[in-house]
């Protein structure tokens, strides 16, 4: 029964789009499909290639699981040349407001949603949205958040956001051998939440869905569904 399921908005990583993220999270969805259904959306900003093409094949590229070159999108940029790196400190947050507006519009048209899921830059964006929601600055109201390979934004306009603990149920998933977003960056984001559930895995920069995580995922989803009912 669909009405008994949690409705979750899914926010992709930098250089991905709704379709890429949907295909990358197939096994995750299977694990929780009894309790949740997902709506995937694409960020409003196209990523224009300015990186050295030689870097892109290696794991140093800003995101793994990226889309084909002409279908890469991002939620905001933290350098004036319209690029983004999660580990960058300082810099602007170009395009951030448009992305917030997009989430508000989709929440209004296709929502309401119970929860929000984000990966990598998407998880960073989700953390910011949760903080804004807590301050009453948004038109949406999510009941929980799931962040995979997340981190706190280093953009200067965002530094004001992490002052108070965010009182929202949260699930934080990250890899101990993540080369793109080091574990301690994901841990720092989890510490911004009042009572975070943390799932660590031995892998890298992806949303894992093997037997080891199944119990934790299902437990979180069951609890969120119980709270909704």
Protein backbone atom coordinates (compact mmCIF):
# COMPACT_ATOMS: atom_id res chain seq x y z
CA UNK A 1 0.00 0.00 0.00
CA UNK A 2 1.68 3.15 -1.28
CA UNK A 3 0.01 5.44 1.25
CA UNK A 4 1.71 3.39 3.97
CA UNK A 5 5.13 4.12 2.51
CA UNK A 6 7.50 6.96 3.27
CA UNK A 7 7.85 9.44 0.40
CA UNK A 8 11.48 10.41 -0.03
CA UNK A 9 13.05 13.08 -2.22
CA UNK A 10 16.40 11.93 -3.65
CA UNK A 11 19.23 14.44 -4.24
CA UNK A 12 22.13 13.28 -6.45
CA UNK A 13 25.85 14.00 -6.20
CA UNK A 14 27.94 16.54 -8.14
CA UNK A 15 28.30 15.56 -11.83
CA UNK A 16 25.32 13.23 -11.63
CA UNK A 17 21.66 13.61 -12.54
CA UNK A 18 18.37 12.02 -11.43
CA UNK A 19 18.76 9.01 -13.74
CA UNK A 20 22.39 8.25 -12.86
CA UNK A 21 21.61 8.44 -9.16
CA UNK A 22 18.51 6.27 -9.59
CA UNK A 23 20.57 3.56 -11.28
CA UNK A 24 23.35 3.78 -8.66
CA UNK A 25 20.88 3.32 -5.80
CA UNK A 26 18.91 0.36 -7.17
CA UNK A 27 20.12 -2.11 -4.54
CA UNK A 28 19.53 0.41 -1.77
CA UNK A 29 15.94 0.93 -2.94
CA UNK A 30 15.34 -2.84 -3.03
CA UNK A 31 16.40 -3.12 0.60
CA UNK A 32 13.90 -0.53 1.78
CA UNK A 33 11.14 -0.68 -0.85
CA UNK A 34 8.62 -2.09 1.66
CA UNK A 35 8.83 1.15 3.62
CA UNK A 36 9.91 3.84 1.18
CA UNK A 37 9.38 5.19 -2.32
CA UNK A 38 11.72 7.67 -3.97
CA UNK A 39 11.38 10.69 -6.24
CA UNK A 40 14.65 11.59 -8.00
CA UNK A 41 15.28 15.12 -9.21
CA UNK A 42 18.08 16.76 -11.21
CA UNK A 43 19.93 19.84 -9.97
CA UNK A 44 19.33 23.08 -11.90
CA UNK A 45 22.97 23.83 -12.77
CA UNK A 46 24.82 22.19 -15.62
CA UNK A 47 28.45 21.35 -14.89
CA UNK A 48 30.66 22.67 -17.64
CA UNK A 49 33.91 20.74 -18.01
CA UNK A 50 36.86 22.82 -16.94
CA UNK A 51 38.87 20.07 -15.29
CA UNK A 52 41.93 18.61 -16.86
CA UNK A 53 40.46 15.64 -18.78
CA UNK A 54 43.36 13.51 -17.59
CA UNK A 55 42.08 13.69 -14.02
CA UNK A 56 38.63 12.43 -14.80
CA UNK A 57 39.47 8.78 -15.26
CA UNK A 58 41.17 8.62 -11.89
CA UNK A 59 39.50 8.50 -8.52
CA UNK A 60 40.53 12.09 -7.84
CA UNK A 61 37.62 13.26 -9.98
CA UNK A 62 35.14 15.29 -7.89
CA UNK A 63 32.59 12.49 -7.86
CA UNK A 64 32.44 8.83 -8.71
CA UNK A 65 29.51 7.45 -10.61
CA UNK A 66 29.32 10.59 -12.69
CA UNK A 67 27.01 10.92 -15.66
CA UNK A 68 27.99 11.26 -19.29
CA UNK A 69 29.78 14.54 -19.97
CA UNK A 70 26.80 16.48 -21.28
CA UNK A 71 24.43 15.38 -18.51
CA UNK A 72 26.30 16.40 -15.38
CA UNK A 73 24.63 18.70 -12.88
CA UNK A 74 25.41 20.30 -9.52
CA UNK A 75 23.52 22.02 -6.69
CA UNK A 76 26.02 24.87 -6.28
CA UNK A 77 29.60 25.83 -7.15
CA UNK A 78 32.27 26.92 -4.69
CA UNK A 79 34.65 28.66 -7.05
CA UNK A 80 34.06 31.51 -9.50
CA UNK A 81 35.05 29.26 -12.42
CA UNK A 82 31.81 27.30 -11.74
CA UNK A 83 33.46 24.21 -10.31
CA UNK A 84 32.95 22.41 -7.03
CA UNK A 85 35.14 20.36 -4.71
CA UNK A 86 33.85 19.08 -1.39
CA UNK A 87 37.20 19.57 0.36
CA UNK A 88 37.48 23.24 -0.67
CA UNK A 89 37.39 25.76 2.17
CA UNK A 90 36.09 29.26 1.63
CA UNK A 91 34.68 30.43 -1.66
CA UNK A 92 31.18 31.32 -2.79
CA UNK A 93 28.02 29.18 -3.08
CA UNK A 94 26.99 30.09 -6.61
CA UNK A 95 23.53 28.85 -7.56
CA UNK A 96 22.59 27.71 -4.07
CA UNK A 97 19.39 29.81 -3.83
CA UNK A 98 18.06 28.48 -7.15
CA UNK A 99 18.56 24.93 -5.89
CA UNK A 100 16.68 25.65 -2.66
CA UNK A 101 13.87 27.17 -4.73
CA UNK A 102 13.75 24.04 -6.93
CA UNK A 103 13.36 21.80 -3.85
CA UNK A 104 10.58 24.08 -2.54
CA UNK A 105 8.77 23.96 -5.89
CA UNK A 106 8.98 20.17 -6.15
CA UNK A 107 7.89 19.76 -2.53
CA UNK A 108 4.83 21.86 -3.34
CA UNK A 109 4.00 20.14 -6.66
CA UNK A 110 4.93 16.51 -5.96
CA UNK A 111 5.02 16.41 -2.17
CA UNK A 112 4.66 16.56 0.64
CA UNK A 113 7.66 14.30 1.26
CA UNK A 114 8.41 12.55 4.54
CA UNK A 115 12.17 12.48 4.10
CA UNK A 116 15.09 13.56 1.97
CA UNK A 117 18.10 11.52 0.82
CA UNK A 118 21.34 13.00 -0.49
CA UNK A 119 24.67 11.66 -1.75
CA UNK A 120 28.00 13.52 -1.66
CA UNK A 121 27.37 17.15 -2.70
CA UNK A 122 23.69 16.23 -2.48
CA UNK A 123 24.21 15.16 1.15
CA UNK A 124 26.03 18.42 1.87
CA UNK A 125 23.05 20.25 0.33
CA UNK A 126 20.61 18.16 2.42
CA UNK A 127 22.50 19.13 5.61
CA UNK A 128 22.09 22.81 4.71
CA UNK A 129 18.38 22.33 3.90
CA UNK A 130 17.83 20.69 7.31
CA UNK A 131 19.49 23.62 9.06
CA UNK A 132 17.41 26.14 7.10
CA UNK A 133 14.25 24.17 7.84
CA UNK A 134 15.01 24.22 11.56
CA UNK A 135 15.32 28.03 11.43
CA UNK A 136 11.95 28.31 9.68
CA UNK A 137 13.52 29.64 6.47
CA UNK A 138 11.93 27.16 4.06
CA UNK A 139 8.59 26.19 2.56
CA UNK A 140 9.23 22.48 3.02
CA UNK A 141 9.15 20.33 6.11
CA UNK A 142 10.96 16.99 6.04
CA UNK A 143 10.60 14.61 9.00
CA UNK A 144 13.99 12.94 8.53
CA UNK A 145 17.16 13.07 6.42
CA UNK A 146 19.57 10.47 5.01
CA UNK A 147 23.08 11.59 4.04
CA UNK A 148 25.59 9.36 2.25
CA UNK A 149 29.22 10.59 1.93
CA UNK A 150 28.04 13.93 3.31
CA UNK A 151 30.08 16.85 4.62
CA UNK A 152 29.69 20.38 5.91
CA UNK A 153 29.88 23.03 3.21
CA UNK A 154 33.07 25.09 3.37
CA UNK A 155 31.49 27.91 1.34
CA UNK A 156 31.70 31.23 3.19
CA UNK A 157 27.96 32.02 2.93
CA UNK A 158 27.22 28.64 4.57
CA UNK A 159 29.43 28.94 7.63
CA UNK A 160 26.57 30.57 9.54
CA UNK A 161 24.47 27.41 9.22
CA UNK A 162 26.06 24.96 11.61
CA UNK A 163 25.61 26.82 14.88
CA UNK A 164 22.84 24.83 16.58
CA UNK A 165 22.36 21.09 16.62
CA UNK A 166 19.67 20.05 14.15
CA UNK A 167 16.80 18.30 15.87
CA UNK A 168 15.78 15.96 13.06
CA UNK A 169 16.17 12.16 12.84
CA UNK A 170 19.14 11.52 10.56
CA UNK A 171 20.97 8.57 9.03
CA UNK A 172 24.61 9.13 8.02
CA UNK A 173 26.33 6.60 5.75
CA UNK A 174 30.00 6.87 4.84
CA UNK A 175 33.00 4.83 3.74
CA UNK A 176 36.21 4.45 5.72
CA UNK A 177 38.27 4.44 2.53
CA UNK A 178 36.50 7.33 0.81
CA UNK A 179 39.16 9.27 -1.12
CA UNK A 180 36.83 12.08 -2.20
CA UNK A 181 35.26 12.98 1.14
CA UNK A 182 37.41 11.85 4.09
CA UNK A 183 35.57 10.05 6.90
CA UNK A 184 36.17 12.87 9.38
CA UNK A 185 34.30 15.30 7.10
CA UNK A 186 31.25 13.01 7.10
CA UNK A 187 31.56 12.55 10.86
CA UNK A 188 31.66 16.33 11.34
CA UNK A 189 28.33 16.62 9.49
CA UNK A 190 26.77 13.88 11.64
CA UNK A 191 27.79 15.86 14.75
CA UNK A 192 25.58 18.74 13.56
CA UNK A 193 22.54 16.57 14.31
CA UNK A 194 21.01 15.95 17.73
CA UNK A 195 20.86 12.16 17.66
CA UNK A 196 22.44 10.83 14.45
CA UNK A 197 22.32 7.18 13.34
CA UNK A 198 25.69 6.37 11.77
CA UNK A 199 26.44 3.50 9.37
CA UNK A 200 30.12 3.14 8.44
CA UNK A 201 31.28 0.80 5.71
CA UNK A 202 34.79 -0.24 4.64
CA UNK A 203 34.34 1.04 1.08
CA UNK A 204 34.77 4.32 -0.76
CA UNK A 205 32.61 7.04 -2.26
CA UNK A 206 29.27 5.39 -2.90
CA UNK A 207 26.00 4.48 -1.18
CA UNK A 208 26.53 0.85 -0.18
CA UNK A 209 23.74 -1.74 -0.11
CA UNK A 210 25.02 -5.16 0.85
CA UNK A 211 23.93 -7.50 3.64
CA UNK A 212 26.10 -5.70 6.23
CA UNK A 213 23.99 -2.52 6.01
CA UNK A 214 20.57 -4.10 5.51
CA UNK A 215 19.59 -4.30 9.17
CA UNK A 216 20.57 -0.66 9.93
CA UNK A 217 18.74 0.68 6.89
CA UNK A 218 15.57 -1.29 7.54
CA UNK A 219 15.57 -0.41 11.24
CA UNK A 220 15.79 3.31 10.42
CA UNK A 221 13.03 3.10 7.78
CA UNK A 222 10.72 1.09 10.04
CA UNK A 223 11.21 3.61 12.83
CA UNK A 224 10.48 6.56 10.52
CA UNK A 225 7.33 4.86 9.23
CA UNK A 226 6.20 4.16 12.78
CA UNK A 227 6.69 7.84 13.67
CA UNK A 228 4.70 8.87 10.60
CA UNK A 229 1.77 6.64 11.57
